[in-house]
Amino acid sequence: MPSATPASTREPLNPEWRVHTARIFKEVLENPTCQVLRQPLLIMDDLMRRVASRAAELNDHELNQLMLQLTLYAIADPYSPDFDPKRVQDILNTTSPDAA
């Protein structure tokens, strides 16, 4: 069950912890024993892509950090030609400009 603790009081996620969302979906979808999950995962994949697109439009620092940790932005995806590990680390290791 998700935590009800407000984001502002939670411990920040360790920037070293990342999830390659697209690879997880691909691995599960290629597993013949997981075919029952195919449709829900395809729907979730589409929703995650739309969330990432909207997050990029909003350009919220904390939301950008989460999108990077989920590798939903190309700069965080080691399999993408746009992969930029230095930029990712810079974003993950900085605090929000609004947090003053």
N, C-alpha and C. Protein backbone atom coordinates (compact mmCIF):
# COMPACT_ATOMS: atom_id res chain seq x y z
N MET A 1 0.84 -1.17 0.00
CA MET A 1 0.00 0.00 0.00
C MET A 1 0.89 1.24 0.00
N PRO A 2 0.61 2.23 -0.85
CA PRO A 2 1.44 3.43 -0.92
C PRO A 2 1.41 4.20 0.38
N SER A 3 2.51 4.86 0.63
CA SER A 3 2.64 5.66 1.83
C SER A 3 1.76 6.89 1.75
N ALA A 4 1.15 7.26 2.89
CA ALA A 4 0.33 8.46 2.94
C ALA A 4 1.15 9.65 3.39
N THR A 5 2.44 9.47 3.56
CA THR A 5 3.32 10.54 3.99
C THR A 5 3.48 11.54 2.86
N PRO A 6 3.30 12.84 3.14
CA PRO A 6 3.48 13.84 2.09
C PRO A 6 4.89 13.77 1.51
N ALA A 7 5.01 14.02 0.21
CA ALA A 7 6.31 13.93 -0.47
C ALA A 7 7.35 14.83 0.17
N SER A 8 6.92 15.97 0.70
CA SER A 8 7.89 16.91 1.27
C SER A 8 8.53 16.39 2.55
N THR A 9 7.91 15.39 3.20
CA THR A 9 8.47 14.86 4.45
C THR A 9 9.12 13.50 4.28
N ARG A 10 9.03 12.93 3.08
CA ARG A 10 9.64 11.63 2.82
C ARG A 10 11.13 11.77 2.59
N GLU A 11 11.86 10.70 2.90
CA GLU A 11 13.28 10.64 2.59
C GLU A 11 13.43 10.67 1.07
N PRO A 12 14.38 11.42 0.54
CA PRO A 12 14.58 11.40 -0.92
C PRO A 12 15.08 10.02 -1.36
N LEU A 13 14.67 9.62 -2.55
CA LEU A 13 15.13 8.34 -3.09
C LEU A 13 16.60 8.44 -3.43
N ASN A 14 17.29 7.36 -3.21
CA ASN A 14 18.69 7.29 -3.56
C ASN A 14 18.80 7.37 -5.09
N PRO A 15 19.51 8.36 -5.63
CA PRO A 15 19.61 8.49 -7.08
C PRO A 15 20.22 7.28 -7.77
N GLU A 16 20.89 6.42 -7.01
CA GLU A 16 21.48 5.24 -7.61
C GLU A 16 20.42 4.20 -7.95
N TRP A 17 19.26 4.28 -7.32
CA TRP A 17 18.20 3.31 -7.57
C TRP A 17 17.37 3.77 -8.74
N ARG A 18 17.38 2.98 -9.79
CA ARG A 18 16.60 3.29 -10.97
C ARG A 18 15.89 2.04 -11.44
N VAL A 19 14.83 2.25 -12.16
CA VAL A 19 14.05 1.16 -12.73
C VAL A 19 13.95 1.41 -14.23
N HIS A 20 14.30 0.43 -15.01
CA HIS A 20 14.15 0.58 -16.46
C HIS A 20 12.77 0.05 -16.82
N THR A 21 11.80 0.93 -16.76
CA THR A 21 10.39 0.56 -16.92
C THR A 21 10.13 -0.18 -18.22
N ALA A 22 10.60 0.35 -19.32
CA ALA A 22 10.34 -0.29 -20.62
C ALA A 22 10.93 -1.70 -20.68
N ARG A 23 12.11 -1.89 -20.10
CA ARG A 23 12.74 -3.22 -20.11
C ARG A 23 11.95 -4.20 -19.24
N ILE A 24 11.43 -3.74 -18.12
CA ILE A 24 10.62 -4.61 -17.27
C ILE A 24 9.38 -5.08 -18.04
N PHE A 25 8.69 -4.12 -18.66
CA PHE A 25 7.51 -4.48 -19.44
C PHE A 25 7.88 -5.48 -20.54
N LYS A 26 8.96 -5.22 -21.25
CA LYS A 26 9.39 -6.10 -22.35
C LYS A 26 9.68 -7.51 -21.83
N GLU A 27 10.43 -7.59 -20.73
CA GLU A 27 10.79 -8.90 -20.16
C GLU A 27 9.55 -9.70 -19.78
N VAL A 28 8.62 -9.04 -19.12
CA VAL A 28 7.41 -9.74 -18.68
C VAL A 28 6.57 -10.15 -19.88
N LEU A 29 6.43 -9.24 -20.86
CA LEU A 29 5.62 -9.54 -22.04
C LEU A 29 6.21 -10.66 -22.89
N GLU A 30 7.53 -10.84 -22.84
CA GLU A 30 8.16 -11.91 -23.61
C GLU A 30 8.12 -13.25 -22.89
N ASN A 31 7.73 -13.25 -21.63
CA ASN A 31 7.66 -14.48 -20.86
C ASN A 31 6.31 -15.15 -21.16
N PRO A 32 6.33 -16.33 -21.76
CA PRO A 32 5.08 -16.99 -22.15
C PRO A 32 4.16 -17.30 -20.97
N THR A 33 4.70 -17.41 -19.78
CA THR A 33 3.85 -17.71 -18.63
C THR A 33 3.14 -16.47 -18.09
N CYS A 34 3.43 -15.30 -18.65
CA CYS A 34 2.84 -14.05 -18.16
C CYS A 34 1.85 -13.45 -19.15
N GLN A 35 1.35 -14.24 -20.08
CA GLN A 35 0.47 -13.71 -21.11
C GLN A 35 -0.80 -13.08 -20.54
N VAL A 36 -1.22 -13.51 -19.37
CA VAL A 36 -2.40 -12.93 -18.74
C VAL A 36 -2.17 -11.46 -18.40
N LEU A 37 -0.91 -11.06 -18.28
CA LEU A 37 -0.56 -9.67 -17.94
C LEU A 37 -0.38 -8.79 -19.17
N ARG A 38 -0.46 -9.37 -20.34
CA ARG A 38 -0.17 -8.63 -21.57
C ARG A 38 -0.99 -7.35 -21.70
N GLN A 39 -2.29 -7.46 -21.68
CA GLN A 39 -3.14 -6.28 -21.90
C GLN A 39 -2.97 -5.23 -20.80
N PRO A 40 -2.99 -5.61 -19.50
CA PRO A 40 -2.77 -4.59 -18.47
C PRO A 40 -1.41 -3.90 -18.59
N LEU A 41 -0.37 -4.64 -18.97
CA LEU A 41 0.95 -4.03 -19.11
C LEU A 41 1.03 -3.11 -20.32
N LEU A 42 0.38 -3.47 -21.41
CA LEU A 42 0.36 -2.59 -22.57
C LEU A 42 -0.38 -1.29 -22.25
N ILE A 43 -1.46 -1.41 -21.50
CA ILE A 43 -2.20 -0.22 -21.08
C ILE A 43 -1.34 0.63 -20.14
N MET A 44 -0.69 -0.01 -19.19
CA MET A 44 0.16 0.71 -18.25
C MET A 44 1.34 1.37 -18.98
N ASP A 45 1.92 0.67 -19.95
CA ASP A 45 3.02 1.24 -20.73
C ASP A 45 2.56 2.52 -21.44
N ASP A 46 1.40 2.46 -22.06
CA ASP A 46 0.86 3.64 -22.74
C ASP A 46 0.63 4.78 -21.75
N LEU A 47 0.05 4.46 -20.61
CA LEU A 47 -0.20 5.49 -19.59
C LEU A 47 1.10 6.10 -19.07
N MET A 48 2.10 5.26 -18.83
CA MET A 48 3.39 5.76 -18.33
C MET A 48 4.03 6.69 -19.36
N ARG A 49 3.93 6.35 -20.63
CA ARG A 49 4.48 7.22 -21.68
C ARG A 49 3.76 8.56 -21.71
N ARG A 50 2.44 8.53 -21.53
CA ARG A 50 1.67 9.78 -21.50
C ARG A 50 1.99 10.60 -20.27
N VAL A 51 2.18 9.94 -19.14
CA VAL A 51 2.57 10.64 -17.91
C VAL A 51 3.94 11.29 -18.10
N ALA A 52 4.87 10.56 -18.69
CA ALA A 52 6.21 11.11 -18.93
C ALA A 52 6.15 12.33 -19.86
N SER A 53 5.32 12.24 -20.87
CA SER A 53 5.17 13.37 -21.79
C SER A 53 4.62 14.59 -21.06
N ARG A 54 3.62 14.37 -20.24
CA ARG A 54 3.03 15.49 -19.48
C ARG A 54 4.02 16.02 -18.46
N ALA A 55 4.77 15.15 -17.84
CA ALA A 55 5.78 15.57 -16.86
C ALA A 55 6.81 16.46 -17.53
N ALA A 56 7.21 16.11 -18.75
CA ALA A 56 8.18 16.93 -19.48
C ALA A 56 7.60 18.31 -19.77
N GLU A 57 6.31 18.37 -20.09
CA GLU A 57 5.66 19.66 -20.33
C GLU A 57 5.63 20.51 -19.06
N LEU A 58 5.34 19.87 -17.92
CA LEU A 58 5.24 20.60 -16.66
C LEU A 58 6.60 21.07 -16.16
N ASN A 59 7.64 20.28 -16.46
CA ASN A 59 9.01 20.59 -16.07
C ASN A 59 9.15 20.85 -14.56
N ASP A 60 8.52 20.00 -13.76
CA ASP A 60 8.65 20.06 -12.31
C ASP A 60 9.89 19.27 -11.89
N HIS A 61 10.73 19.87 -11.08
CA HIS A 61 12.01 19.26 -10.72
C HIS A 61 11.85 17.88 -10.09
N GLU A 62 11.00 17.76 -9.07
CA GLU A 62 10.81 16.47 -8.40
C GLU A 62 10.21 15.44 -9.34
N LEU A 63 9.27 15.86 -10.15
CA LEU A 63 8.66 14.95 -11.11
C LEU A 63 9.68 14.52 -12.17
N ASN A 64 10.53 15.43 -12.61
CA ASN A 64 11.60 15.07 -13.55
C ASN A 64 12.54 14.04 -12.94
N GLN A 65 12.87 14.20 -11.67
CA GLN A 65 13.74 13.23 -11.00
C GLN A 65 13.09 11.84 -10.99
N LEU A 66 11.82 11.78 -10.68
CA LEU A 66 11.11 10.49 -10.68
C LEU A 66 11.07 9.88 -12.08
N MET A 67 10.82 10.70 -13.08
CA MET A 67 10.78 10.19 -14.45
C MET A 67 12.14 9.64 -14.86
N LEU A 68 13.21 10.30 -14.40
CA LEU A 68 14.56 9.81 -14.70
C LEU A 68 14.80 8.48 -14.00
N GLN A 69 14.37 8.37 -12.76
CA GLN A 69 14.58 7.12 -12.03
C GLN A 69 13.79 5.96 -12.63
N LEU A 70 12.72 6.27 -13.31
CA LEU A 70 11.94 5.24 -14.00
C LEU A 70 12.40 5.06 -15.45
N THR A 71 13.44 5.77 -15.84
CA THR A 71 13.97 5.80 -17.21
C THR A 71 12.88 6.07 -18.24
N LEU A 72 11.98 6.96 -17.88
CA LEU A 72 10.92 7.33 -18.81
C LEU A 72 11.32 8.50 -19.70
N TYR A 73 12.45 9.12 -19.42
CA TYR A 73 13.02 10.14 -20.29
C TYR A 73 14.20 9.51 -21.02
N ALA A 74 14.34 9.82 -22.29
CA ALA A 74 15.39 9.22 -23.12
C ALA A 74 16.79 9.47 -22.56
N ILE A 75 17.00 10.61 -21.92
CA ILE A 75 18.35 10.90 -21.41
C ILE A 75 18.76 9.94 -20.30
N ALA A 76 17.78 9.27 -19.69
CA ALA A 76 18.08 8.33 -18.61
C ALA A 76 18.13 6.88 -19.08
N ASP A 77 17.83 6.66 -20.33
CA ASP A 77 17.77 5.30 -20.88
C ASP A 77 19.09 4.92 -21.54
N PRO A 78 19.85 4.01 -20.93
CA PRO A 78 21.15 3.64 -21.50
C PRO A 78 21.06 3.04 -22.90
N TYR A 79 19.87 2.61 -23.32
CA TYR A 79 19.70 2.04 -24.65
C TYR A 79 19.30 3.09 -25.69
N SER A 80 19.13 4.33 -25.26
CA SER A 80 18.73 5.41 -26.16
C SER A 80 19.94 6.17 -26.68
N PRO A 81 19.89 6.63 -27.92
CA PRO A 81 20.98 7.46 -28.43
C PRO A 81 21.06 8.80 -27.70
N ASP A 82 20.00 9.19 -27.01
CA ASP A 82 19.97 10.46 -26.26
C ASP A 82 20.47 10.31 -24.83
N PHE A 83 20.92 9.12 -24.47
CA PHE A 83 21.39 8.86 -23.10
C PHE A 83 22.48 9.86 -22.72
N ASP A 84 22.29 10.49 -21.55
CA ASP A 84 23.25 11.49 -21.07
C ASP A 84 23.43 11.30 -19.56
N PRO A 85 24.31 10.37 -19.15
CA PRO A 85 24.44 10.05 -17.73
C PRO A 85 24.87 11.24 -16.88
N LYS A 86 25.69 12.13 -17.42
CA LYS A 86 26.12 13.29 -16.64
C LYS A 86 24.94 14.20 -16.34
N ARG A 87 24.14 14.46 -17.34
CA ARG A 87 22.96 15.32 -17.15
C ARG A 87 21.98 14.68 -16.16
N VAL A 88 21.80 13.37 -16.29
CA VAL A 88 20.90 12.65 -15.37
C VAL A 88 21.40 12.81 -13.94
N GLN A 89 22.69 12.54 -13.72
CA GLN A 89 23.25 12.67 -12.36
C GLN A 89 23.12 14.09 -11.84
N ASP A 90 23.35 15.07 -12.70
CA ASP A 90 23.21 16.47 -12.28
C ASP A 90 21.79 16.76 -11.80
N ILE A 91 20.81 16.28 -12.55
CA ILE A 91 19.41 16.51 -12.19
C ILE A 91 19.05 15.75 -10.91
N LEU A 92 19.49 14.49 -10.83
CA LEU A 92 19.15 13.68 -9.65
C LEU A 92 19.81 14.20 -8.37
N ASN A 93 20.96 14.81 -8.51
CA ASN A 93 21.71 15.24 -7.33
C ASN A 93 21.46 16.68 -6.92
N THR A 94 20.59 17.38 -7.63
CA THR A 94 20.29 18.76 -7.25
C THR A 94 18.95 18.82 -6.56
N THR A 95 18.79 19.85 -5.75
CA THR A 95 17.50 20.06 -5.10
C THR A 95 16.66 20.98 -5.97
N SER A 96 15.39 20.96 -5.72
CA SER A 96 14.48 21.79 -6.48
C SER A 96 14.83 23.26 -6.34
N PRO A 97 14.80 24.01 -7.44
CA PRO A 97 15.06 25.44 -7.35
C PRO A 97 14.04 26.16 -6.47
N ASP A 98 12.85 25.56 -6.33
CA ASP A 98 11.81 26.15 -5.50
C ASP A 98 12.02 25.90 -4.01
N ALA A 99 12.90 24.95 -3.67
CA ALA A 99 13.10 24.58 -2.27
C ALA A 99 14.10 25.53 -1.62
N ALA A 100 13.70 26.74 -1.46
CA ALA A 100 14.59 27.72 -0.84
C ALA A 100 14.02 28.24 0.45
